[in-house]
């Protein structure tokens, strides 16, 4: 069953994983499975409650933070897609 809710994924530094073309989001169903597998922390929750037979009050995650700690390179790789995004698809 699909809820239609999306979850924002942040890296371990609480920064969005991807800034363009839009933020990195996943379906809330995948986010709850990551949370139950203990691979992320939940920062914010949606207002909707998950209906479970065990009657636990569990809500859908809205923002999660990955637990893995990956370091990023100091240099930004220049790609054609990032240039088009920066220049809003216009020629100089």
N, C-alpha and C. Protein backbone atom coordinates (compact mmCIF):
# COMPACT_ATOMS: atom_id res chain seq x y z
N UNK A 1 0.84 -1.18 0.00
CA UNK A 1 0.00 0.00 0.00
C UNK A 1 0.89 1.24 0.00
N UNK A 2 0.66 2.13 -0.91
CA UNK A 2 1.42 3.37 -1.05
C UNK A 2 0.69 4.49 -0.30
N UNK A 3 1.45 5.30 0.45
CA UNK A 3 0.86 6.41 1.17
C UNK A 3 0.98 7.71 0.41
N UNK A 4 1.96 7.82 -0.49
CA UNK A 4 2.19 9.05 -1.22
C UNK A 4 3.05 10.03 -0.46
N UNK A 5 3.49 9.68 0.73
CA UNK A 5 4.33 10.56 1.53
C UNK A 5 5.79 10.39 1.12
N UNK A 6 6.55 11.46 1.17
CA UNK A 6 7.97 11.43 0.84
C UNK A 6 8.78 11.79 2.08
N UNK A 7 10.01 11.29 2.15
CA UNK A 7 10.90 11.53 3.27
C UNK A 7 12.20 12.13 2.76
N UNK A 8 12.62 13.23 3.38
CA UNK A 8 13.87 13.88 3.03
C UNK A 8 15.01 13.12 3.70
N UNK A 9 16.07 12.84 2.95
CA UNK A 9 17.23 12.11 3.46
C UNK A 9 18.40 13.07 3.60
N UNK A 10 18.98 13.12 4.80
CA UNK A 10 20.15 13.95 5.08
C UNK A 10 21.35 13.06 5.33
N UNK A 11 22.56 13.59 5.09
CA UNK A 11 23.75 12.81 5.41
C UNK A 11 24.06 12.97 6.89
N UNK A 12 25.15 12.39 7.35
CA UNK A 12 25.45 12.39 8.78
C UNK A 12 25.81 13.78 9.31
N UNK A 13 26.05 14.74 8.42
CA UNK A 13 26.32 16.12 8.82
C UNK A 13 25.06 16.98 8.80
N UNK A 14 23.91 16.35 8.64
CA UNK A 14 22.62 17.01 8.58
C UNK A 14 22.52 17.96 7.38
N UNK A 15 23.16 17.58 6.29
CA UNK A 15 23.09 18.33 5.05
C UNK A 15 22.33 17.48 4.03
N UNK A 16 21.57 18.10 3.12
CA UNK A 16 20.90 17.30 2.08
C UNK A 16 21.92 16.59 1.21
N UNK A 17 21.59 15.39 0.80
CA UNK A 17 22.51 14.61 -0.02
C UNK A 17 22.66 15.22 -1.40
N UNK A 18 21.59 15.71 -1.96
CA UNK A 18 21.64 16.34 -3.27
C UNK A 18 20.84 17.63 -3.22
N UNK A 19 21.39 18.69 -3.76
CA UNK A 19 20.72 19.97 -3.71
C UNK A 19 19.95 20.26 -5.00
N UNK A 20 20.42 19.74 -6.11
CA UNK A 20 19.73 19.99 -7.37
C UNK A 20 19.55 18.71 -8.13
N UNK A 21 18.64 18.52 -9.01
CA UNK A 21 17.60 19.47 -9.36
C UNK A 21 16.56 19.64 -8.27
N UNK A 22 16.38 18.68 -7.41
CA UNK A 22 15.57 18.89 -6.22
C UNK A 22 16.17 18.03 -5.10
N UNK A 23 15.70 18.21 -3.91
CA UNK A 23 16.27 17.51 -2.77
C UNK A 23 16.06 16.01 -2.87
N UNK A 24 16.94 15.24 -2.22
CA UNK A 24 16.90 13.79 -2.28
C UNK A 24 15.80 13.28 -1.34
N UNK A 25 14.72 12.78 -1.90
CA UNK A 25 13.64 12.22 -1.10
C UNK A 25 13.39 10.79 -1.53
N UNK A 26 12.86 10.01 -0.59
CA UNK A 26 12.49 8.62 -0.85
C UNK A 26 11.07 8.42 -0.36
N UNK A 27 10.40 7.37 -0.82
CA UNK A 27 9.06 7.08 -0.28
C UNK A 27 9.14 6.78 1.21
N UNK A 28 8.10 7.15 1.94
CA UNK A 28 8.08 6.93 3.39
C UNK A 28 8.10 5.46 3.75
N UNK A 29 7.63 4.60 2.85
CA UNK A 29 7.67 3.16 3.12
C UNK A 29 9.11 2.67 3.21
N UNK A 30 9.97 3.18 2.31
CA UNK A 30 11.38 2.82 2.34
C UNK A 30 12.07 3.42 3.57
N UNK A 31 11.65 4.63 3.95
CA UNK A 31 12.25 5.28 5.12
C UNK A 31 11.91 4.53 6.41
N UNK A 32 10.69 4.01 6.53
CA UNK A 32 10.33 3.28 7.75
C UNK A 32 11.08 1.96 7.81
N UNK A 33 11.35 1.34 6.66
CA UNK A 33 12.13 0.10 6.69
C UNK A 33 13.58 0.38 7.06
N UNK A 34 14.15 1.52 6.61
CA UNK A 34 15.49 1.90 7.04
C UNK A 34 15.53 2.16 8.54
N UNK A 35 14.49 2.80 9.06
CA UNK A 35 14.42 3.09 10.49
C UNK A 35 14.32 1.79 11.30
N UNK A 36 13.49 0.87 10.85
CA UNK A 36 13.33 -0.39 11.58
C UNK A 36 14.57 -1.28 11.47
N UNK A 37 15.35 -1.12 10.39
CA UNK A 37 16.61 -1.85 10.25
C UNK A 37 17.77 -1.15 10.98
N UNK A 38 17.48 -0.03 11.61
CA UNK A 38 18.45 0.72 12.42
C UNK A 38 19.60 1.27 11.59
N UNK A 39 19.31 1.71 10.37
CA UNK A 39 20.36 2.29 9.53
C UNK A 39 20.25 3.81 9.43
N UNK A 40 19.26 4.41 10.14
CA UNK A 40 19.11 5.86 10.12
C UNK A 40 18.42 6.32 11.41
N UNK A 41 18.48 7.61 11.64
CA UNK A 41 17.76 8.23 12.75
C UNK A 41 16.66 9.10 12.17
N UNK A 42 15.52 9.14 12.84
CA UNK A 42 14.41 9.97 12.39
C UNK A 42 14.47 11.30 13.12
N UNK A 43 14.40 12.39 12.37
CA UNK A 43 14.44 13.73 12.95
C UNK A 43 13.03 14.28 13.12
N UNK A 44 12.21 14.20 12.08
CA UNK A 44 10.83 14.67 12.13
C UNK A 44 9.90 13.56 11.64
N UNK A 45 8.67 13.61 12.10
CA UNK A 45 7.66 12.62 11.74
C UNK A 45 6.48 13.32 11.07
N UNK A 46 5.83 12.60 10.14
CA UNK A 46 4.56 13.09 9.57
C UNK A 46 3.47 12.94 10.63
N UNK A 47 2.33 13.57 10.40
CA UNK A 47 1.22 13.48 11.35
C UNK A 47 0.43 12.18 11.23
N UNK A 48 0.60 11.47 10.13
CA UNK A 48 -0.16 10.23 9.92
C UNK A 48 0.41 9.08 10.74
N UNK A 49 -0.47 8.27 11.32
CA UNK A 49 -0.06 7.11 12.10
C UNK A 49 -0.11 5.87 11.22
N UNK A 50 0.84 4.95 11.44
CA UNK A 50 0.87 3.69 10.71
C UNK A 50 -0.06 2.72 11.41
N UNK A 51 -0.97 2.12 10.67
CA UNK A 51 -1.88 1.15 11.26
C UNK A 51 -1.21 -0.21 11.31
N UNK A 52 -0.96 -0.69 12.51
CA UNK A 52 -0.30 -1.98 12.70
C UNK A 52 -1.17 -2.86 13.59
N UNK A 53 -1.07 -4.17 13.45
CA UNK A 53 -1.85 -5.07 14.31
C UNK A 53 -1.38 -5.03 15.76
N UNK A 54 -0.14 -4.62 16.00
CA UNK A 54 0.38 -4.62 17.37
C UNK A 54 -0.03 -3.38 18.15
N UNK A 55 -0.70 -2.46 17.52
CA UNK A 55 -1.23 -1.24 18.15
C UNK A 55 -0.15 -0.30 18.68
N UNK A 56 1.06 -0.37 18.13
CA UNK A 56 2.09 0.59 18.50
C UNK A 56 1.82 1.90 17.79
N UNK A 57 2.05 3.00 18.47
CA UNK A 57 1.87 4.31 17.86
C UNK A 57 3.12 4.68 17.09
N UNK A 58 3.16 4.30 15.84
CA UNK A 58 4.30 4.57 14.98
C UNK A 58 3.82 5.46 13.85
N UNK A 59 4.58 6.53 13.59
CA UNK A 59 4.21 7.46 12.53
C UNK A 59 5.18 7.34 11.38
N UNK A 60 4.80 7.90 10.22
CA UNK A 60 5.66 7.88 9.05
C UNK A 60 6.77 8.91 9.22
N UNK A 61 8.03 8.57 8.90
CA UNK A 61 9.12 9.54 9.02
C UNK A 61 9.04 10.62 7.95
N UNK A 62 9.38 11.84 8.35
CA UNK A 62 9.38 12.97 7.43
C UNK A 62 10.80 13.35 7.02
N UNK A 63 11.74 13.34 7.98
CA UNK A 63 13.14 13.65 7.71
C UNK A 63 13.99 12.61 8.44
N UNK A 64 14.93 11.98 7.71
CA UNK A 64 15.82 11.01 8.33
C UNK A 64 17.27 11.41 8.08
N UNK A 65 18.15 10.91 8.94
CA UNK A 65 19.58 11.16 8.82
C UNK A 65 20.28 9.82 8.72
N UNK A 66 21.09 9.66 7.67
CA UNK A 66 21.86 8.42 7.52
C UNK A 66 22.91 8.33 8.62
N UNK A 67 23.18 7.11 9.07
CA UNK A 67 24.18 6.91 10.11
C UNK A 67 25.59 6.75 9.57
N UNK A 68 25.72 6.42 8.29
CA UNK A 68 27.07 6.22 7.75
C UNK A 68 27.79 7.55 7.68
N UNK A 69 29.07 7.51 7.93
CA UNK A 69 29.87 8.74 7.92
C UNK A 69 30.82 8.69 6.73
N UNK A 70 30.43 9.32 5.66
CA UNK A 70 31.25 9.41 4.46
C UNK A 70 31.81 10.81 4.37
N UNK A 71 33.09 10.89 4.07
CA UNK A 71 33.68 12.22 3.89
C UNK A 71 33.59 12.59 2.41
N UNK A 72 33.46 13.84 2.16
CA UNK A 72 33.34 14.33 0.80
C UNK A 72 34.66 14.97 0.37
N UNK A 73 34.93 14.89 -0.91
CA UNK A 73 36.13 15.52 -1.44
C UNK A 73 36.04 17.03 -1.35
N UNK A 74 37.17 17.67 -1.33
CA UNK A 74 37.17 19.13 -1.22
C UNK A 74 36.94 19.80 -2.55
N UNK A 75 37.17 19.08 -3.65
CA UNK A 75 36.97 19.66 -4.96
C UNK A 75 35.63 19.23 -5.53
N UNK A 76 34.98 20.16 -6.17
CA UNK A 76 33.71 19.89 -6.82
C UNK A 76 33.99 19.50 -8.27
N UNK A 77 33.46 18.38 -8.70
CA UNK A 77 33.64 17.95 -10.08
C UNK A 77 32.66 18.71 -10.96
N UNK A 78 33.19 19.26 -12.02
CA UNK A 78 32.38 20.04 -12.94
C UNK A 78 31.70 19.11 -13.94
N UNK A 79 30.39 19.17 -13.98
CA UNK A 79 29.60 18.36 -14.91
C UNK A 79 28.73 19.27 -15.76
N UNK A 80 28.34 18.75 -16.89
CA UNK A 80 27.47 19.52 -17.78
C UNK A 80 26.12 19.79 -17.12
N UNK A 81 25.58 18.80 -16.40
CA UNK A 81 24.28 18.99 -15.76
C UNK A 81 24.32 20.05 -14.67
N UNK A 82 25.42 20.13 -13.91
CA UNK A 82 25.51 21.16 -12.87
C UNK A 82 25.67 22.55 -13.48
N UNK A 83 26.35 22.64 -14.62
CA UNK A 83 26.46 23.94 -15.29
C UNK A 83 25.11 24.41 -15.83
N UNK A 84 24.35 23.51 -16.43
CA UNK A 84 23.02 23.86 -16.92
C UNK A 84 22.13 24.29 -15.77
N UNK A 85 22.23 23.61 -14.64
CA UNK A 85 21.41 23.99 -13.49
C UNK A 85 21.83 25.36 -12.96
N UNK A 86 23.14 25.60 -12.85
CA UNK A 86 23.63 26.87 -12.35
C UNK A 86 23.23 28.02 -13.24
N UNK A 87 23.35 27.84 -14.56
CA UNK A 87 23.06 28.91 -15.51
C UNK A 87 21.61 28.93 -15.96
N UNK A 88 20.78 28.11 -15.40
CA UNK A 88 19.37 28.00 -15.71
C UNK A 88 19.13 27.79 -17.20
N UNK A 89 19.95 26.92 -17.78
CA UNK A 89 19.85 26.51 -19.18
C UNK A 89 19.92 27.68 -20.16
N UNK A 90 20.73 28.68 -19.83
CA UNK A 90 20.88 29.81 -20.76
C UNK A 90 22.36 29.92 -21.15
N UNK A 91 22.57 30.38 -22.37
CA UNK A 91 23.94 30.55 -22.87
C UNK A 91 24.52 31.86 -22.35
N UNK A 92 25.82 31.88 -22.23
CA UNK A 92 26.49 33.09 -21.73
C UNK A 92 26.64 34.10 -22.85
